[in-house]
N, C-alpha and C. Protein backbone atom coordinates (compact mmCIF):
# COMPACT_ATOMS: atom_id res chain seq x y z
N UNK A 1 84.71 113.61 96.59
CA UNK A 1 85.95 112.89 97.29
C UNK A 1 86.94 114.18 97.61
N UNK A 2 86.51 114.76 98.24
CA UNK A 2 86.82 116.36 99.00
C UNK A 2 88.27 115.81 99.67
N UNK A 3 88.31 114.88 100.29
CA UNK A 3 89.23 114.48 101.18
C UNK A 3 90.42 113.45 100.89
N UNK A 4 90.65 113.99 99.70
CA UNK A 4 92.05 113.51 99.09
C UNK A 4 93.07 114.04 99.35
N UNK A 5 94.50 113.49 99.71
CA UNK A 5 95.44 114.54 100.03
C UNK A 5 95.74 114.80 98.49
N UNK A 6 96.67 116.08 98.77
CA UNK A 6 96.96 116.79 97.43
C UNK A 6 97.67 116.09 96.60
N UNK A 7 98.22 116.30 95.34
CA UNK A 7 98.48 115.61 94.40
C UNK A 7 100.03 116.40 94.21
N UNK A 8 101.20 115.63 94.97
CA UNK A 8 102.18 116.18 94.88
C UNK A 8 103.46 115.25 95.34
N UNK A 9 104.74 115.38 95.52
CA UNK A 9 105.30 114.29 95.77
C UNK A 9 105.38 113.83 96.96
N UNK A 10 104.79 114.46 98.12
CA UNK A 10 104.90 113.95 99.47
C UNK A 10 103.77 112.91 99.30
N UNK A 11 103.00 113.00 98.38
CA UNK A 11 101.51 112.05 98.53
C UNK A 11 102.32 110.87 97.82
N UNK A 12 102.84 111.15 96.69
CA UNK A 12 103.67 109.74 95.70
C UNK A 12 104.45 109.26 96.70
N UNK A 13 105.31 109.86 97.55
CA UNK A 13 106.37 109.02 98.61
C UNK A 13 105.46 108.22 99.36
N UNK A 14 104.13 108.72 100.03
CA UNK A 14 103.38 108.18 100.82
C UNK A 14 102.78 106.85 100.21
N UNK A 15 102.47 106.99 98.92
CA UNK A 15 101.93 105.86 98.12
C UNK A 15 103.03 104.63 98.40
N UNK A 16 104.13 104.95 97.74
CA UNK A 16 105.30 104.17 97.45
C UNK A 16 105.68 103.72 99.14
N UNK A 17 105.58 104.62 100.04
CA UNK A 17 106.06 103.64 101.21
C UNK A 17 104.95 103.19 102.24
N UNK A 18 103.78 103.16 101.46
CA UNK A 18 102.55 102.78 102.08
C UNK A 18 102.20 102.93 103.55
N UNK A 19 102.07 104.73 103.45
CA UNK A 19 101.56 105.24 104.74
C UNK A 19 100.17 105.95 104.52
N UNK A 20 99.90 105.83 103.00
CA UNK A 20 98.39 105.94 102.51
C UNK A 20 97.71 104.61 102.19
N UNK A 21 96.73 104.47 102.77
CA UNK A 21 96.02 103.07 102.54
C UNK A 21 95.52 103.09 101.41
N UNK A 22 95.20 101.82 100.56
CA UNK A 22 94.84 101.17 99.46
C UNK A 22 93.65 102.27 98.79
N UNK A 23 92.71 102.25 99.80
CA UNK A 23 91.47 103.03 99.26
C UNK A 23 91.67 104.49 98.66
N UNK A 24 92.69 104.97 99.47
CA UNK A 24 92.62 106.26 99.37
C UNK A 24 93.29 106.31 98.11
N UNK A 25 94.41 105.40 97.74
CA UNK A 25 95.28 105.57 96.56
C UNK A 25 94.20 105.29 95.11
N UNK A 26 93.27 104.46 95.45
CA UNK A 26 92.28 103.91 94.25
C UNK A 26 91.81 105.36 93.67
N UNK A 27 91.06 106.09 95.46
CA UNK A 27 90.27 107.12 95.00
C UNK A 27 91.22 108.01 94.23
N UNK A 28 92.56 108.38 94.65
CA UNK A 28 93.28 109.45 93.90
C UNK A 28 93.18 109.31 92.18
N UNK A 29 93.46 107.91 92.32
CA UNK A 29 93.86 107.59 90.62
C UNK A 29 92.49 107.68 89.58
N UNK A 30 91.23 107.17 90.46
CA UNK A 30 89.81 107.61 90.32
C UNK A 30 89.59 109.20 89.77
N UNK A 31 89.76 109.68 90.59
CA UNK A 31 89.93 111.20 90.38
C UNK A 31 90.36 111.85 89.36
N UNK A 32 91.77 111.58 89.06
CA UNK A 32 92.31 112.00 87.78
C UNK A 32 92.25 111.29 86.65
N UNK A 33 91.18 110.15 86.67
CA UNK A 33 91.03 109.65 85.69
C UNK A 33 89.61 110.22 85.15
N UNK A 34 89.09 111.12 86.33
CA UNK A 34 88.15 111.88 85.66
C UNK A 34 86.61 111.18 86.54
N UNK A 35 86.65 110.26 87.42
CA UNK A 35 85.40 109.58 87.94
C UNK A 35 84.94 110.67 88.93
N UNK A 36 83.81 110.63 89.00
CA UNK A 36 83.05 111.77 90.30
C UNK A 36 81.82 111.23 90.59
N UNK A 37 81.62 110.61 92.05
CA UNK A 37 80.55 110.33 92.73
C UNK A 37 79.66 111.16 92.59
N UNK A 38 78.45 111.24 92.25
CA UNK A 38 77.37 112.06 92.31
C UNK A 38 76.43 111.23 93.49
N UNK A 39 76.29 112.01 94.73
CA UNK A 39 75.78 111.78 95.73
C UNK A 39 74.08 111.78 96.13
N UNK A 40 73.86 112.70 95.04
CA UNK A 40 72.51 112.92 94.72
C UNK A 40 71.59 111.61 93.97
N UNK A 41 72.60 111.58 93.12
CA UNK A 41 71.87 110.03 92.24
C UNK A 41 72.45 108.89 92.81
N UNK A 42 73.45 109.01 93.63
CA UNK A 42 74.23 107.68 94.17
C UNK A 42 74.63 106.89 93.23
N UNK A 43 75.61 107.58 92.07
CA UNK A 43 75.87 106.76 91.00
C UNK A 43 77.07 107.49 90.46
N UNK A 44 77.96 106.76 89.78
CA UNK A 44 79.14 107.13 89.60
C UNK A 44 79.00 108.39 88.10
N UNK A 45 79.46 109.67 87.56
CA UNK A 45 79.69 110.30 86.76
C UNK A 45 80.82 110.07 86.38
N UNK A 46 80.72 109.53 84.93
CA UNK A 46 81.61 108.73 84.19
C UNK A 46 81.85 110.34 82.92
N UNK A 47 81.35 111.22 82.58
CA UNK A 47 81.31 111.88 81.53
C UNK A 47 82.67 112.88 81.69
N UNK A 48 83.53 113.18 82.42
CA UNK A 48 84.87 113.38 82.13
C UNK A 48 86.03 112.10 81.96
N UNK A 49 85.48 111.04 82.09
CA UNK A 49 86.46 109.85 81.87
C UNK A 49 86.73 109.74 80.68
N UNK A 50 87.87 109.27 80.11
CA UNK A 50 88.39 109.02 79.03
C UNK A 50 87.59 107.84 78.33
N UNK A 51 87.47 107.94 76.99
CA UNK A 51 86.41 106.84 76.44
C UNK A 51 86.74 105.57 76.87
N UNK A 52 88.05 105.19 76.61
CA UNK A 52 88.29 103.56 76.83
C UNK A 52 88.21 103.06 78.48
N UNK A 53 88.06 103.92 79.02
CA UNK A 53 88.18 104.00 80.44
C UNK A 53 86.66 103.77 80.52
N UNK A 54 85.95 104.76 80.18
CA UNK A 54 84.49 104.50 80.44
C UNK A 54 83.72 103.30 79.90
N UNK A 55 84.13 102.66 78.80
CA UNK A 55 83.79 101.43 78.10
C UNK A 55 84.12 100.16 79.01
N UNK A 56 85.34 100.15 79.25
CA UNK A 56 86.06 99.24 80.02
C UNK A 56 85.31 99.09 81.38
N UNK A 57 85.31 100.19 81.93
CA UNK A 57 84.98 100.28 83.37
C UNK A 57 84.31 101.62 83.89
N UNK A 58 82.59 100.76 83.79
CA UNK A 58 81.95 102.28 83.67
C UNK A 58 81.57 102.73 85.54
N UNK A 59 82.62 101.71 86.18
CA UNK A 59 82.21 102.11 87.61
C UNK A 59 84.04 102.05 87.63
N UNK A 60 84.56 102.76 88.68
CA UNK A 60 86.23 102.60 88.94
C UNK A 60 86.71 101.63 89.38
N UNK A 61 87.51 100.92 88.68
CA UNK A 61 87.96 99.78 89.21
C UNK A 61 88.86 99.41 90.33
N UNK A 62 88.82 98.72 91.48
CA UNK A 62 89.88 98.39 92.57
C UNK A 62 91.41 98.06 91.79
N UNK A 63 92.02 98.89 91.66
CA UNK A 63 93.32 98.63 91.00
C UNK A 63 94.45 97.57 91.85
N UNK A 64 93.97 97.39 93.05
CA UNK A 64 94.60 96.33 93.94
C UNK A 64 93.66 94.72 93.83
N UNK A 65 92.94 94.91 93.40
CA UNK A 65 91.95 93.76 93.16
C UNK A 65 91.76 93.28 92.11
N UNK A 66 91.99 94.20 90.85
CA UNK A 66 91.66 93.92 89.55
C UNK A 66 93.12 94.16 88.64
N UNK A 67 93.86 92.56 88.37
CA UNK A 67 95.16 92.81 87.68
C UNK A 67 94.86 93.57 86.30
N UNK A 68 93.74 93.11 85.30
CA UNK A 68 93.81 93.48 84.13
C UNK A 68 93.55 95.24 84.37
N UNK A 69 92.78 95.80 85.29
CA UNK A 69 93.29 97.31 85.37
C UNK A 69 94.08 97.77 85.60
N UNK A 70 95.09 97.15 86.64
CA UNK A 70 96.19 97.40 86.91
C UNK A 70 97.03 97.23 85.68
N UNK A 71 97.03 96.82 84.90
CA UNK A 71 97.95 96.68 83.65
C UNK A 71 97.58 97.81 82.74
N UNK A 72 96.03 97.65 82.44
CA UNK A 72 95.49 98.81 81.81
C UNK A 72 96.21 100.38 82.31
N UNK A 73 96.39 100.27 83.53
CA UNK A 73 96.91 101.57 84.17
C UNK A 73 98.16 101.68 83.57
N UNK A 74 98.83 100.68 83.65
CA UNK A 74 100.40 100.63 83.24
C UNK A 74 100.40 100.93 82.13
N UNK A 75 99.69 100.38 81.27
CA UNK A 75 100.01 100.93 79.50
C UNK A 75 99.57 102.22 79.27
N UNK A 76 98.45 102.93 80.19
CA UNK A 76 98.05 104.06 79.82
C UNK A 76 99.11 105.40 80.25
N UNK A 77 100.36 105.08 80.74
CA UNK A 77 101.36 105.60 81.01
C UNK A 77 102.30 106.08 79.70
N UNK A 78 102.33 107.20 79.66
CA UNK A 78 102.72 107.41 77.77
C UNK A 78 104.43 106.99 78.13
N UNK A 79 105.24 106.19 76.79
CA UNK A 79 106.41 105.85 77.00
C UNK A 79 107.61 106.39 77.65
N UNK A 80 107.51 107.41 77.22
CA UNK A 80 108.60 108.64 77.71
C UNK A 80 108.28 109.26 79.22
N UNK A 81 107.08 108.57 80.26
CA UNK A 81 106.95 108.91 81.23
C UNK A 81 107.21 107.43 82.11
N UNK A 82 107.42 106.25 81.82
CA UNK A 82 107.62 104.82 82.08
C UNK A 82 108.63 104.71 83.28
N UNK A 83 109.71 105.86 83.24
CA UNK A 83 110.93 105.37 84.26
C UNK A 83 111.01 106.75 85.31
N UNK A 84 109.46 107.52 85.02
CA UNK A 84 109.28 108.91 86.17
C UNK A 84 109.67 108.86 87.28
N UNK A 85 109.31 107.50 88.10
CA UNK A 85 109.57 107.40 89.34
C UNK A 85 111.04 107.31 89.70
N UNK A 86 111.61 106.43 88.77
CA UNK A 86 113.31 106.65 89.10
C UNK A 86 113.89 107.60 88.56
N UNK A 87 113.56 108.62 87.49
CA UNK A 87 114.21 109.88 86.87
C UNK A 87 114.04 110.71 87.65
N UNK A 88 112.76 111.11 87.89
CA UNK A 88 112.04 112.34 88.92
C UNK A 88 112.05 112.09 90.13
N UNK A 89 111.82 111.01 90.68
CA UNK A 89 111.81 110.86 92.19
C UNK A 89 113.03 110.44 92.93
N UNK A 90 113.95 109.79 91.79
CA UNK A 90 114.83 108.99 92.36
C UNK A 90 114.37 107.53 93.22
N UNK A 91 113.40 107.12 93.07
CA UNK A 91 112.81 105.79 93.78
C UNK A 91 113.54 104.70 93.03
N UNK A 92 113.96 103.86 93.91
CA UNK A 92 115.04 102.81 93.62
C UNK A 92 114.35 101.72 93.26
N UNK A 93 113.11 101.50 94.10
CA UNK A 93 112.46 100.12 93.53
C UNK A 93 112.09 99.69 95.09
N UNK A 94 111.58 98.54 95.10
CA UNK A 94 111.08 97.52 96.49
C UNK A 94 112.58 96.69 96.31
N UNK A 95 112.87 96.40 97.41
CA UNK A 95 113.68 95.04 97.65
C UNK A 95 113.07 93.74 97.07
N UNK A 96 114.02 93.04 96.45
CA UNK A 96 113.55 91.70 95.97
C UNK A 96 113.28 90.79 97.44
N UNK A 97 112.10 90.42 97.17
CA UNK A 97 111.81 89.34 98.71
C UNK A 97 111.03 90.22 99.46
N UNK A 98 110.88 91.44 99.40
CA UNK A 98 109.87 92.47 99.96
C UNK A 98 108.82 92.99 99.44
N UNK A 99 108.61 92.54 98.20
CA UNK A 99 107.43 93.39 97.61
C UNK A 99 107.23 92.24 96.88
N UNK A 100 105.34 92.41 96.37
CA UNK A 100 104.58 91.31 95.96
C UNK A 100 103.64 92.32 94.87
N UNK A 101 102.75 91.80 94.44
CA UNK A 101 101.55 92.27 93.71
C UNK A 101 101.21 93.81 94.00
N UNK A 102 100.82 93.77 95.50
CA UNK A 102 100.59 95.08 95.87
C UNK A 102 101.09 96.26 95.91
N UNK A 103 102.61 95.98 96.14
CA UNK A 103 103.53 97.09 96.02
C UNK A 103 103.74 97.22 95.02
N UNK A 104 103.62 96.71 93.70
CA UNK A 104 104.07 96.51 92.30
C UNK A 104 103.14 97.48 91.73
N UNK A 105 101.42 97.23 92.49
CA UNK A 105 100.45 98.28 91.96
C UNK A 105 100.35 99.65 92.67
N UNK A 106 100.79 99.83 93.47
CA UNK A 106 101.20 100.87 94.28
C UNK A 106 102.30 101.72 93.44
N UNK A 107 103.21 100.98 92.94
CA UNK A 107 104.20 101.76 92.13
C UNK A 107 103.72 102.15 90.58
N UNK A 108 102.95 101.27 90.26
CA UNK A 108 101.96 102.03 89.39
C UNK A 108 101.24 102.80 89.18
N UNK A 109 100.53 103.26 90.27
CA UNK A 109 99.57 104.18 90.75
C UNK A 109 100.40 105.67 91.05
N UNK A 110 101.42 105.13 91.63
CA UNK A 110 101.93 106.56 91.91
C UNK A 110 102.73 106.66 90.37
N UNK A 111 103.53 106.14 89.82
CA UNK A 111 103.81 106.41 88.48
C UNK A 111 102.96 107.05 87.46
N UNK A 112 101.75 106.32 87.49
CA UNK A 112 100.81 106.98 86.73
C UNK A 112 100.36 108.47 87.07
N UNK A 113 100.06 108.88 88.43
CA UNK A 113 99.85 109.97 88.78
C UNK A 113 101.05 110.88 88.66
N UNK A 114 102.14 110.51 88.69
CA UNK A 114 103.50 111.31 88.21
C UNK A 114 103.17 111.89 86.92
N UNK A 115 102.91 110.61 86.21
CA UNK A 115 103.14 111.15 84.70
C UNK A 115 101.48 112.03 84.61
N UNK A 116 100.47 111.89 85.23
CA UNK A 116 99.59 112.81 85.35
C UNK A 116 100.17 114.18 85.40
N UNK A 117 100.95 114.24 86.35
CA UNK A 117 101.37 115.64 86.83
C UNK A 117 102.31 116.29 85.72
N UNK A 118 103.13 115.45 85.26
CA UNK A 118 103.69 116.16 84.13
C UNK A 118 103.28 116.49 82.75
N UNK A 119 102.32 115.82 82.65
CA UNK A 119 101.46 116.01 81.08
C UNK A 119 100.66 117.12 81.45
N UNK A 120 100.13 117.11 82.77
CA UNK A 120 99.11 118.37 83.31
C UNK A 120 100.21 119.85 83.66
N UNK A 121 101.09 119.80 83.85
CA UNK A 121 101.99 120.84 84.42
C UNK A 121 102.35 121.24 85.60
N UNK A 122 101.55 120.01 86.75
CA UNK A 122 101.41 120.33 87.85
C UNK A 122 103.14 119.68 88.53
N UNK A 123 103.57 120.93 89.19
CA UNK A 123 104.81 120.69 89.62
C UNK A 123 105.00 119.68 90.89
N UNK A 124 106.22 118.85 90.72
CA UNK A 124 106.64 117.61 91.17
C UNK A 124 107.74 117.76 91.83
N UNK A 125 108.85 118.68 92.15
CA UNK A 125 109.77 118.82 92.35
C UNK A 125 109.56 119.34 93.76
């Protein structure tokens, strides 16, 4: 998955503004969860994936199609980072009547990635 966009604020805004497709959003989250696809063996290598994700999702989940996976992603954001989109990026949220589950899952993915950046010291400003 070397074709992924850089993990930075431009990418997070592209996720929120829906200028990056859902497949790429999934791939970004999978990558930072530790999922790696082994082209030689034609299967997922989950050796770097956090144990609870390995057990529940031995293959990376589609966060747009799986409500349980999206909920697990939400719950895995540390409490102190739950409001990071608002506090760090100034994201005001989607307008009432103009969003649905897909946009909510995009916001979850962007918030999880921003939390990952904060935890791992990746510059986000």
